[in-house]
Amino acid sequence: MQLGPTELIIILVIVLLLFGVGRVSKIGGELGSAVANFRRGLDEGGKKDAKKTDDLSGTQQTPPVQ
């Protein structure tokens, strides 16, 4: 079941009536902040993994001692 534009507008009006404009904008700001922090964490995690991979590949290239 897909929601059309009319249904979305009705839902938005009901949410605004229940919570008020100030509360809805505060929740939106917090949600945006959370998404930004999540993406930043993913980027940092990827960089750390790449660094670990580079470190490991450097140790594998050393010839064995006989």
PDB file of N, CA and C in Angstrom:
ATOM      1  N   MET A   1       0.843  -1.179   0.000  1.00  0.00           N
ATOM      2  CA  MET A   1       0.000   0.000   0.000  1.00  0.00           C
ATOM      3  C   MET A   1       0.888   1.242   0.000  1.00  0.00           C
ATOM      4  N   GLN A   2       0.713   2.061  -0.992  1.00  0.00           N
ATOM      5  CA  GLN A   2       1.490   3.286  -1.096  1.00  0.00           C
ATOM      6  C   GLN A   2       0.664   4.468  -0.613  1.00  0.00           C
ATOM      7  N   LEU A   3       1.372   5.417  -0.011  1.00  0.00           N
ATOM      8  CA  LEU A   3       0.713   6.628   0.448  1.00  0.00           C
ATOM      9  C   LEU A   3       0.824   7.696  -0.629  1.00  0.00           C
ATOM     10  N   GLY A   4      -0.314   8.289  -0.954  1.00  0.00           N
ATOM     11  CA  GLY A   4      -0.317   9.364  -1.933  1.00  0.00           C
ATOM     12  C   GLY A   4      -0.059  10.699  -1.257  1.00  0.00           C
ATOM     13  N   PRO A   5       0.004  11.758  -2.038  1.00  0.00           N
ATOM     14  CA  PRO A   5       0.271  13.088  -1.475  1.00  0.00           C
ATOM     15  C   PRO A   5      -0.806  13.550  -0.494  1.00  0.00           C
ATOM     16  N   THR A   6      -2.049  13.207  -0.766  1.00  0.00           N
ATOM     17  CA  THR A   6      -3.138  13.612   0.131  1.00  0.00           C
ATOM     18  C   THR A   6      -2.988  12.957   1.499  1.00  0.00           C
ATOM     19  N   GLU A   7      -2.680  11.674   1.518  1.00  0.00           N
ATOM     20  CA  GLU A   7      -2.515  10.969   2.784  1.00  0.00           C
ATOM     21  C   GLU A   7      -1.328  11.512   3.570  1.00  0.00           C
ATOM     22  N   LEU A   8      -0.236  11.809   2.865  1.00  0.00           N
ATOM     23  CA  LEU A   8       0.942  12.357   3.544  1.00  0.00           C
ATOM     24  C   LEU A   8       0.653  13.722   4.165  1.00  0.00           C
ATOM     25  N   ILE A   9      -0.102  14.550   3.475  1.00  0.00           N
ATOM     26  CA  ILE A   9      -0.465  15.868   4.016  1.00  0.00           C
ATOM     27  C   ILE A   9      -1.342  15.710   5.247  1.00  0.00           C
ATOM     28  N   ILE A  10      -2.292  14.798   5.202  1.00  0.00           N
ATOM     29  CA  ILE A  10      -3.164  14.563   6.361  1.00  0.00           C
ATOM     30  C   ILE A  10      -2.344  14.082   7.553  1.00  0.00           C
ATOM     31  N   ILE A  11      -1.416  13.163   7.330  1.00  0.00           N
ATOM     32  CA  ILE A  11      -0.562  12.667   8.416  1.00  0.00           C
ATOM     33  C   ILE A  11       0.283  13.794   8.983  1.00  0.00           C
ATOM     34  N   LEU A  12       0.840  14.639   8.119  1.00  0.00           N
ATOM     35  CA  LEU A  12       1.651  15.771   8.570  1.00  0.00           C
ATOM     36  C   LEU A  12       0.834  16.736   9.422  1.00  0.00           C
ATOM     37  N   VAL A  13      -0.387  17.029   9.020  1.00  0.00           N
ATOM     38  CA  VAL A  13      -1.251  17.932   9.792  1.00  0.00           C
ATOM     39  C   VAL A  13      -1.563  17.333  11.158  1.00  0.00           C
ATOM     40  N   ILE A  14      -1.848  16.051  11.210  1.00  0.00           N
ATOM     41  CA  ILE A  14      -2.152  15.397  12.488  1.00  0.00           C
ATOM     42  C   ILE A  14      -0.937  15.435  13.410  1.00  0.00           C
ATOM     43  N   VAL A  15       0.250  15.155  12.871  1.00  0.00           N
ATOM     44  CA  VAL A  15       1.475  15.195  13.679  1.00  0.00           C
ATOM     45  C   VAL A  15       1.715  16.599  14.212  1.00  0.00           C
ATOM     46  N   LEU A  16       1.520  17.610  13.368  1.00  0.00           N
ATOM     47  CA  LEU A  16       1.706  18.993  13.815  1.00  0.00           C
ATOM     48  C   LEU A  16       0.705  19.372  14.901  1.00  0.00           C
ATOM     49  N   LEU A  17      -0.519  18.905  14.784  1.00  0.00           N
ATOM     50  CA  LEU A  17      -1.525  19.200  15.809  1.00  0.00           C
ATOM     51  C   LEU A  17      -1.200  18.511  17.128  1.00  0.00           C
ATOM     52  N   LEU A  18      -0.687  17.294  17.057  1.00  0.00           N
ATOM     53  CA  LEU A  18      -0.381  16.550  18.275  1.00  0.00           C
ATOM     54  C   LEU A  18       0.849  17.093  18.996  1.00  0.00           C
ATOM     55  N   PHE A  19       1.897  17.375  18.261  1.00  0.00           N
ATOM     56  CA  PHE A  19       3.166  17.735  18.891  1.00  0.00           C
ATOM     57  C   PHE A  19       3.492  19.220  18.838  1.00  0.00           C
ATOM     58  N   GLY A  20       2.976  19.928  17.888  1.00  0.00           N
ATOM     59  CA  GLY A  20       3.304  21.339  17.740  1.00  0.00           C
ATOM     60  C   GLY A  20       4.522  21.521  16.853  1.00  0.00           C
ATOM     61  N   VAL A  21       4.628  22.710  16.273  1.00  0.00           N
ATOM     62  CA  VAL A  21       5.696  22.983  15.320  1.00  0.00           C
ATOM     63  C   VAL A  21       7.065  22.947  15.993  1.00  0.00           C
ATOM     64  N   GLY A  22       7.184  23.509  17.190  1.00  0.00           N
ATOM     65  CA  GLY A  22       8.471  23.560  17.884  1.00  0.00           C
ATOM     66  C   GLY A  22       9.016  22.186  18.187  1.00  0.00           C
ATOM     67  N   ARG A  23       8.154  21.328  18.662  1.00  0.00           N
ATOM     68  CA  ARG A  23       8.587  19.968  19.018  1.00  0.00           C
ATOM     69  C   ARG A  23       8.984  19.167  17.779  1.00  0.00           C
ATOM     70  N   VAL A  24       8.217  19.319  16.698  1.00  0.00           N
ATOM     71  CA  VAL A  24       8.514  18.584  15.468  1.00  0.00           C
ATOM     72  C   VAL A  24       9.843  19.051  14.877  1.00  0.00           C
ATOM     73  N   SER A  25      10.101  20.362  14.891  1.00  0.00           N
ATOM     74  CA  SER A  25      11.370  20.856  14.348  1.00  0.00           C
ATOM     75  C   SER A  25      12.546  20.416  15.220  1.00  0.00           C
ATOM     76  N   LYS A  26      12.338  20.336  16.535  1.00  0.00           N
ATOM     77  CA  LYS A  26      13.392  19.866  17.438  1.00  0.00           C
ATOM     78  C   LYS A  26      13.717  18.395  17.157  1.00  0.00           C
ATOM     79  N   ILE A  27      12.691  17.596  16.976  1.00  0.00           N
ATOM     80  CA  ILE A  27      12.888  16.174  16.670  1.00  0.00           C
ATOM     81  C   ILE A  27      13.600  16.019  15.326  1.00  0.00           C
ATOM     82  N   GLY A  28      13.226  16.833  14.342  1.00  0.00           N
ATOM     83  CA  GLY A  28      13.876  16.778  13.033  1.00  0.00           C
ATOM     84  C   GLY A  28      15.351  17.128  13.122  1.00  0.00           C
ATOM     85  N   GLY A  29      15.668  18.150  13.919  1.00  0.00           N
ATOM     86  CA  GLY A  29      17.066  18.537  14.096  1.00  0.00           C
ATOM     87  C   GLY A  29      17.875  17.450  14.771  1.00  0.00           C
ATOM     88  N   GLU A  30      17.292  16.830  15.790  1.00  0.00           N
ATOM     89  CA  GLU A  30      17.985  15.749  16.495  1.00  0.00           C
ATOM     90  C   GLU A  30      18.185  14.540  15.583  1.00  0.00           C
ATOM     91  N   LEU A  31      17.197  14.264  14.757  1.00  0.00           N
ATOM     92  CA  LEU A  31      17.307  13.141  13.831  1.00  0.00           C
ATOM     93  C   LEU A  31      18.402  13.402  12.794  1.00  0.00           C
ATOM     94  N   GLY A  32      18.452  14.611  12.274  1.00  0.00           N
ATOM     95  CA  GLY A  32      19.502  14.966  11.319  1.00  0.00           C
ATOM     96  C   GLY A  32      20.881  14.875  11.938  1.00  0.00           C
ATOM     97  N   SER A  33      20.994  15.308  13.169  1.00  0.00           N
ATOM     98  CA  SER A  33      22.256  15.237  13.907  1.00  0.00           C
ATOM     99  C   SER A  33      22.686  13.787  14.104  1.00  0.00           C
ATOM    100  N   ALA A  34      21.745  12.938  14.439  1.00  0.00           N
ATOM    101  CA  ALA A  34      22.051  11.522  14.653  1.00  0.00           C
ATOM    102  C   ALA A  34      22.528  10.866  13.360  1.00  0.00           C
ATOM    103  N   VAL A  35      21.885  11.191  12.252  1.00  0.00           N
ATOM    104  CA  VAL A  35      22.285  10.620  10.966  1.00  0.00           C
ATOM    105  C   VAL A  35      23.687  11.091  10.589  1.00  0.00           C
ATOM    106  N   ALA A  36      23.974  12.378  10.820  1.00  0.00           N
ATOM    107  CA  ALA A  36      25.309  12.912  10.510  1.00  0.00           C
ATOM    108  C   ALA A  36      26.380  12.227  11.355  1.00  0.00           C
ATOM    109  N   ASN A  37      26.110  12.027  12.635  1.00  0.00           N
ATOM    110  CA  ASN A  37      27.072  11.339  13.511  1.00  0.00           C
ATOM    111  C   ASN A  37      27.274   9.890  13.077  1.00  0.00           C
ATOM    112  N   PHE A  38      26.206   9.240  12.661  1.00  0.00           N
ATOM    113  CA  PHE A  38      26.293   7.857  12.197  1.00  0.00           C
ATOM    114  C   PHE A  38      27.176   7.764  10.955  1.00  0.00           C
ATOM    115  N   ARG A  39      26.959   8.671  10.003  1.00  0.00           N
ATOM    116  CA  ARG A  39      27.767   8.665   8.782  1.00  0.00           C
ATOM    117  C   ARG A  39      29.228   8.972   9.082  1.00  0.00           C
ATOM    118  N   ARG A  40      29.465   9.901   9.998  1.00  0.00           N
ATOM    119  CA  ARG A  40      30.830  10.239  10.384  1.00  0.00           C
ATOM    120  C   ARG A  40      31.512   9.020  11.005  1.00  0.00           C
ATOM    121  N   GLY A  41      30.777   8.283  11.824  1.00  0.00           N
ATOM    122  CA  GLY A  41      31.320   7.072  12.434  1.00  0.00           C
ATOM    123  C   GLY A  41      31.643   6.010  11.398  1.00  0.00           C
ATOM    124  N   LEU A  42      30.791   5.877  10.390  1.00  0.00           N
ATOM    125  CA  LEU A  42      31.068   4.916   9.322  1.00  0.00           C
ATOM    126  C   LEU A  42      32.322   5.301   8.555  1.00  0.00           C
ATOM    127  N   ASP A  43      32.488   6.589   8.276  1.00  0.00           N
ATOM    128  CA  ASP A  43      33.682   7.046   7.557  1.00  0.00           C
ATOM    129  C   ASP A  43      34.938   6.785   8.370  1.00  0.00           C
ATOM    130  N   GLU A  44      34.907   7.074   9.654  1.00  0.00           N
ATOM    131  CA  GLU A  44      36.072   6.853  10.513  1.00  0.00           C
ATOM    132  C   GLU A  44      36.386   5.370  10.626  1.00  0.00           C
ATOM    133  N   GLY A  45      35.359   4.543  10.725  1.00  0.00           N
ATOM    134  CA  GLY A  45      35.566   3.101  10.806  1.00  0.00           C
ATOM    135  C   GLY A  45      36.193   2.558   9.538  1.00  0.00           C
ATOM    136  N   GLY A  46      35.776   3.062   8.391  1.00  0.00           N
ATOM    137  CA  GLY A  46      36.350   2.633   7.119  1.00  0.00           C
ATOM    138  C   GLY A  46      37.808   3.029   6.999  1.00  0.00           C
ATOM    139  N   LYS A  47      38.147   4.215   7.487  1.00  0.00           N
ATOM    140  CA  LYS A  47      39.540   4.665   7.432  1.00  0.00           C
ATOM    141  C   LYS A  47      40.413   3.816   8.347  1.00  0.00           C
ATOM    142  N   LYS A  48      39.897   3.459   9.522  1.00  0.00           N
ATOM    143  CA  LYS A  48      40.666   2.625  10.449  1.00  0.00           C
ATOM    144  C   LYS A  48      40.883   1.239   9.853  1.00  0.00           C
ATOM    145  N   ASP A  49      39.837   0.681   9.210  1.00  0.00           N
ATOM    146  CA  ASP A  49      39.964  -0.637   8.592  1.00  0.00           C
ATOM    147  C   ASP A  49      40.980  -0.610   7.456  1.00  0.00           C
ATOM    148  N   ALA A  50      40.975   0.457   6.668  1.00  0.00           N
ATOM    149  CA  ALA A  50      41.927   0.567   5.564  1.00  0.00           C
ATOM    150  C   ALA A  50      43.350   0.660   6.105  1.00  0.00           C
ATOM    151  N   LYS A  51      43.529   1.382   7.198  1.00  0.00           N
ATOM    152  CA  LYS A  51      44.857   1.513   7.790  1.00  0.00           C
ATOM    153  C   LYS A  51      45.335   0.159   8.316  1.00  0.00           C
ATOM    154  N   LYS A  52      44.437  -0.594   8.962  1.00  0.00           N
ATOM    155  CA  LYS A  52      44.809  -1.918   9.460  1.00  0.00           C
ATOM    156  C   LYS A  52      45.197  -2.832   8.305  1.00  0.00           C
ATOM    157  N   THR A  53      44.467  -2.751   7.208  1.00  0.00           N
ATOM    158  CA  THR A  53      44.764  -3.576   6.043  1.00  0.00           C
ATOM    159  C   THR A  53      46.130  -3.215   5.479  1.00  0.00           C
ATOM    160  N   ASP A  54      46.432  -1.913   5.406  1.00  0.00           N
ATOM    161  CA  ASP A  54      47.746  -1.486   4.921  1.00  0.00           C
ATOM    162  C   ASP A  54      48.848  -1.979   5.845  1.00  0.00           C
ATOM    163  N   ASP A  55      48.618  -1.902   7.146  1.00  0.00           N
ATOM    164  CA  ASP A  55      49.612  -2.369   8.106  1.00  0.00           C
ATOM    165  C   ASP A  55      49.849  -3.870   7.957  1.00  0.00           C
ATOM    166  N   LEU A  56      48.781  -4.620   7.782  1.00  0.00           N
ATOM    167  CA  LEU A  56      48.910  -6.070   7.645  1.00  0.00           C
ATOM    168  C   LEU A  56      49.590  -6.446   6.336  1.00  0.00           C
ATOM    169  N   SER A  57      49.286  -5.736   5.271  1.00  0.00           N
ATOM    170  CA  SER A  57      49.905  -6.074   3.989  1.00  0.00           C
ATOM    171  C   SER A  57      51.398  -5.774   4.017  1.00  0.00           C
ATOM    172  N   GLY A  58      51.809  -4.799   4.798  1.00  0.00           N
ATOM    173  CA  GLY A  58      53.230  -4.492   4.936  1.00  0.00           C
ATOM    174  C   GLY A  58      53.971  -5.602   5.649  1.00  0.00           C
ATOM    175  N   THR A  59      53.355  -6.255   6.605  1.00  0.00           N
ATOM    176  CA  THR A  59      54.020  -7.332   7.332  1.00  0.00           C
ATOM    177  C   THR A  59      54.058  -8.606   6.505  1.00  0.00           C
ATOM    178  N   GLN A  60      53.145  -8.793   5.591  1.00  0.00           N
ATOM    179  CA  GLN A  60      53.125  -9.999   4.776  1.00  0.00           C
ATOM    180  C   GLN A  60      54.167  -9.950   3.670  1.00  0.00           C
ATOM    181  N   GLN A  61      54.648  -8.783   3.305  1.00  0.00           N
ATOM    182  CA  GLN A  61      55.590  -8.657   2.210  1.00  0.00           C
ATOM    183  C   GLN A  61      57.034  -8.919   2.636  1.00  0.00           C
ATOM    184  N   THR A  62      57.298  -9.027   3.908  1.00  0.00           N
ATOM    185  CA  THR A  62      58.665  -9.290   4.355  1.00  0.00           C
ATOM    186  C   THR A  62      59.018 -10.741   4.065  1.00  0.00           C
ATOM    187  N   PRO A  63      60.212 -10.995   3.544  1.00  0.00           N
ATOM    188  CA  PRO A  63      60.598 -12.375   3.215  1.00  0.00           C
ATOM    189  C   PRO A  63      60.872 -13.172   4.488  1.00  0.00           C
ATOM    190  N   PRO A  64      60.605 -14.459   4.459  1.00  0.00           N
ATOM    191  CA  PRO A  64      60.868 -15.289   5.636  1.00  0.00           C
ATOM    192  C   PRO A  64      62.372 -15.452   5.871  1.00  0.00           C
ATOM    193  N   VAL A  65      62.750 -15.557   7.113  1.00  0.00           N
ATOM    194  CA  VAL A  65      64.155 -15.717   7.493  1.00  0.00           C
ATOM    195  C   VAL A  65      64.507 -17.197   7.441  1.00  0.00           C
ATOM    196  N   GLN A  66      65.652 -17.525   6.794  1.00  0.00           N
ATOM    197  CA  GLN A  66      66.053 -18.935   6.682  1.00  0.00           C
ATOM    198  C   GLN A  66      67.269 -19.228   7.514  1.00  0.00           C
TER     199      GLN A  66
END
